[in-house]
């Protein structure tokens, strides 16, 4: 099993004893999803929080007209889930779908709660993860209100430097809230500015 990426990630935030590492690894599930497979679907209850070992996912909302609104991409060493559904055990507002074949380490709600009790500093780790996700979400909302599409694309490129080669352009356009034609125009402008 490929647990090293998770353990390396955890060590950035908290120190675990060898017994705590063993306990942590006893509470996880490793699963591989194929390209286009869903980890969670809108309307279903999200059963896990997921650490990506390899692969890429998109989190999106599907509106009543069938239009995708991508709110996040997740790649190696990132987390993906419909956190609101996971915490409340209510139907998910978002879909999480694999853009590539993706290997995940999954934590069920009950196993995560047990880890919080048995390794209290693990709760601190997840508090840090949720804080970072909240701040990123707040910043994205502000950017969508205050920046034009070109500036949002520049920030996207900084946040996700390798995504351009991994996902179709229409998905990036959806994330930015623009058409793929407008994204092409922005990219051409940026090339001409160099």
Protein backbone atom coordinates (compact mmCIF):
# COMPACT_ATOMS: atom_id res chain seq x y z
CA UNK A 1 0.00 0.00 0.00
CA UNK A 2 1.18 3.49 -0.84
CA UNK A 3 0.80 5.24 2.52
CA UNK A 4 3.96 7.36 2.29
CA UNK A 5 2.34 10.44 0.65
CA UNK A 6 -0.23 10.64 3.46
CA UNK A 7 2.37 10.18 6.20
CA UNK A 8 4.61 12.81 4.59
CA UNK A 9 1.66 15.20 4.40
CA UNK A 10 0.69 14.60 8.05
CA UNK A 11 4.30 15.21 9.19
CA UNK A 12 4.11 18.74 7.77
CA UNK A 13 1.56 19.56 10.48
CA UNK A 14 1.94 17.14 13.39
CA UNK A 15 4.45 14.59 14.68
CA UNK A 16 3.17 11.04 15.13
CA UNK A 17 4.76 8.28 17.16
CA UNK A 18 5.19 4.93 15.42
CA UNK A 19 2.19 3.57 17.38
CA UNK A 20 0.10 6.53 16.22
CA UNK A 21 1.15 5.94 12.61
CA UNK A 22 0.06 2.31 12.91
CA UNK A 23 -3.28 3.40 14.38
CA UNK A 24 -3.75 6.00 11.64
CA UNK A 25 -3.05 3.47 8.90
CA UNK A 26 -5.51 1.02 10.47
CA UNK A 27 -8.31 3.58 9.99
CA UNK A 28 -7.88 4.25 6.26
CA UNK A 29 -9.11 2.70 3.06
CA UNK A 30 -7.12 2.94 -0.17
CA UNK A 31 -9.22 2.94 -3.31
CA UNK A 32 -8.58 3.46 -7.00
CA UNK A 33 -11.17 5.15 -9.21
CA UNK A 34 -11.15 5.12 -12.99
CA UNK A 35 -11.26 8.20 -15.18
CA UNK A 36 -14.79 9.71 -15.14
CA UNK A 37 -15.83 7.69 -12.09
CA UNK A 38 -17.61 9.58 -9.32
CA UNK A 39 -16.34 9.64 -5.74
CA UNK A 40 -19.54 11.35 -4.64
CA UNK A 41 -22.59 12.44 -6.60
CA UNK A 42 -24.84 15.40 -5.99
CA UNK A 43 -27.81 14.24 -3.91
CA UNK A 44 -25.98 11.29 -2.29
CA UNK A 45 -24.46 11.52 1.18
CA UNK A 46 -20.67 11.90 1.05
CA UNK A 47 -19.19 8.97 2.98
CA UNK A 48 -15.50 9.93 3.09
CA UNK A 49 -12.88 12.62 3.02
CA UNK A 50 -10.22 11.70 0.49
CA UNK A 51 -6.50 12.34 0.24
CA UNK A 52 -5.23 12.06 -3.34
CA UNK A 53 -2.17 9.86 -3.82
CA UNK A 54 -2.23 10.04 -7.63
CA UNK A 55 -4.65 11.52 -10.10
CA UNK A 56 -6.89 14.54 -10.49
CA UNK A 57 -10.51 15.28 -9.58
CA UNK A 58 -13.00 18.06 -10.16
CA UNK A 59 -15.65 19.20 -7.71
CA UNK A 60 -18.66 20.70 -9.43
CA UNK A 61 -22.28 21.65 -9.12
CA UNK A 62 -24.72 20.66 -11.87
CA UNK A 63 -27.49 23.22 -12.27
CA UNK A 64 -31.10 22.53 -13.34
CA UNK A 65 -30.18 23.15 -17.00
CA UNK A 66 -27.42 20.52 -16.89
CA UNK A 67 -24.61 23.10 -16.85
CA UNK A 68 -21.46 22.16 -14.91
CA UNK A 69 -20.01 24.75 -12.53
CA UNK A 70 -16.54 23.60 -11.44
CA UNK A 71 -15.55 24.95 -8.04
CA UNK A 72 -12.31 23.08 -7.46
CA UNK A 73 -9.69 20.79 -8.91
CA UNK A 74 -7.72 18.49 -6.63
CA UNK A 75 -4.41 16.82 -7.42
CA UNK A 76 -1.74 14.83 -5.59
CA UNK A 77 -1.35 15.75 -1.89
CA UNK A 78 -4.69 17.61 -1.91
CA UNK A 79 -7.98 16.64 -0.31
CA UNK A 80 -11.31 16.19 -2.04
CA UNK A 81 -14.83 15.66 -0.77
CA UNK A 82 -18.18 17.35 -0.34
CA UNK A 83 -17.21 18.38 3.17
CA UNK A 84 -20.61 19.86 4.00
CA UNK A 85 -22.33 16.57 3.21
CA UNK A 86 -19.64 14.56 4.98
CA UNK A 87 -20.00 16.55 8.20
CA UNK A 88 -23.80 16.92 8.24
CA UNK A 89 -24.61 13.54 6.65
CA UNK A 90 -27.05 15.35 4.39
CA UNK A 91 -27.24 15.01 0.57
CA UNK A 92 -24.23 16.38 -1.28
CA UNK A 93 -24.48 19.71 -3.10
CA UNK A 94 -21.47 18.81 -5.25
CA UNK A 95 -20.21 16.03 -7.46
CA UNK A 96 -16.61 14.87 -7.15
CA UNK A 97 -15.48 13.14 -10.33
CA UNK A 98 -12.13 11.74 -11.42
CA UNK A 99 -10.57 13.48 -14.43
CA UNK A 100 -7.80 10.87 -14.46
CA UNK A 101 -7.40 7.43 -12.92
CA UNK A 102 -7.12 8.41 -9.26
CA UNK A 103 -5.85 6.61 -6.17
CA UNK A 104 -7.18 7.90 -2.85
CA UNK A 105 -6.77 7.35 0.83
CA UNK A 106 -10.23 7.56 2.33
CA UNK A 107 -11.36 8.32 5.86
CA UNK A 108 -14.90 7.41 6.87
CA UNK A 109 -16.72 9.70 9.31
CA UNK A 110 -16.58 7.14 12.14
CA UNK A 111 -12.89 6.33 11.61
CA UNK A 112 -12.03 10.03 11.55
CA UNK A 113 -13.94 10.61 14.80
CA UNK A 114 -12.10 7.66 16.39
CA UNK A 115 -8.77 9.14 15.28
CA UNK A 116 -9.70 12.50 16.83
CA UNK A 117 -10.30 10.75 20.17
CA UNK A 118 -7.35 8.36 20.05
CA UNK A 119 -4.85 10.84 18.56
CA UNK A 120 -6.07 14.30 19.70
CA UNK A 121 -3.43 16.12 17.65
CA UNK A 122 -5.00 14.57 14.54
CA UNK A 123 -8.00 16.80 15.14
CA UNK A 124 -5.61 19.77 14.98
CA UNK A 125 -4.42 18.52 11.56
CA UNK A 126 -7.97 18.47 10.22
CA UNK A 127 -8.71 21.85 11.73
CA UNK A 128 -5.75 23.20 9.74
CA UNK A 129 -6.98 21.50 6.56
CA UNK A 130 -10.49 22.93 6.97
CA UNK A 131 -9.12 26.39 7.82
CA UNK A 132 -7.02 26.41 4.65
CA UNK A 133 -9.99 25.23 2.56
CA UNK A 134 -12.21 27.93 4.07
CA UNK A 135 -9.68 30.69 3.41
CA UNK A 136 -9.16 29.49 -0.19
CA UNK A 137 -12.92 29.45 -0.72
CA UNK A 138 -13.33 32.96 0.68
CA UNK A 139 -10.51 34.29 -1.50
CA UNK A 140 -12.03 32.66 -4.57
CA UNK A 141 -15.39 34.32 -3.88
CA UNK A 142 -13.74 37.73 -3.53
CA UNK A 143 -11.71 37.21 -6.73
CA UNK A 144 -14.84 36.26 -8.65
CA UNK A 145 -16.47 39.52 -7.56
CA UNK A 146 -13.49 41.82 -7.95
CA UNK A 147 -11.17 40.54 -10.70
CA UNK A 148 -11.65 40.21 -14.42
CA UNK A 149 -11.31 36.83 -16.12
CA UNK A 150 -7.72 37.48 -17.21
CA UNK A 151 -6.60 38.12 -13.62
CA UNK A 152 -8.54 35.10 -12.37
CA UNK A 153 -6.80 32.95 -15.01
CA UNK A 154 -3.37 34.20 -13.87
CA UNK A 155 -4.23 33.23 -10.28
CA UNK A 156 -5.52 29.87 -11.50
CA UNK A 157 -2.18 29.23 -13.24
CA UNK A 158 -0.34 30.01 -10.01
CA UNK A 159 -2.63 27.83 -7.89
CA UNK A 160 -2.71 24.92 -10.35
CA UNK A 161 0.52 25.18 -12.38
CA UNK A 162 0.21 21.71 -13.96
CA UNK A 163 -3.54 21.54 -14.57
CA UNK A 164 -3.40 23.06 -18.07
CA UNK A 165 -1.77 19.86 -19.33
CA UNK A 166 -4.08 17.57 -17.37
CA UNK A 167 -7.62 18.81 -17.96
CA UNK A 168 -9.60 19.95 -21.00
CA UNK A 169 -9.81 23.70 -21.58
CA UNK A 170 -13.60 23.73 -21.23
CA UNK A 171 -13.17 22.60 -17.60
CA UNK A 172 -10.77 25.44 -16.87
CA UNK A 173 -13.23 27.83 -18.50
CA UNK A 174 -16.02 26.44 -16.29
CA UNK A 175 -13.86 26.95 -13.20
CA UNK A 176 -13.23 30.56 -14.26
CA UNK A 177 -16.90 31.14 -15.12
CA UNK A 178 -16.22 31.94 -18.79
CA UNK A 179 -16.58 30.24 -22.17
CA UNK A 180 -13.74 28.18 -23.63
CA UNK A 181 -13.60 30.64 -26.54
CA UNK A 182 -13.02 33.52 -24.13
CA UNK A 183 -10.35 31.48 -22.35
CA UNK A 184 -8.57 30.98 -25.70
CA UNK A 185 -8.68 34.74 -26.25
CA UNK A 186 -7.18 35.39 -22.78
CA UNK A 187 -4.39 32.86 -23.38
CA UNK A 188 -3.57 34.50 -26.73
CA UNK A 189 -3.43 37.92 -25.07
CA UNK A 190 -1.04 36.62 -22.40
CA UNK A 191 1.23 35.07 -25.03
CA UNK A 192 1.31 38.35 -26.97
CA UNK A 193 2.18 40.26 -23.78
CA UNK A 194 5.33 38.20 -23.21
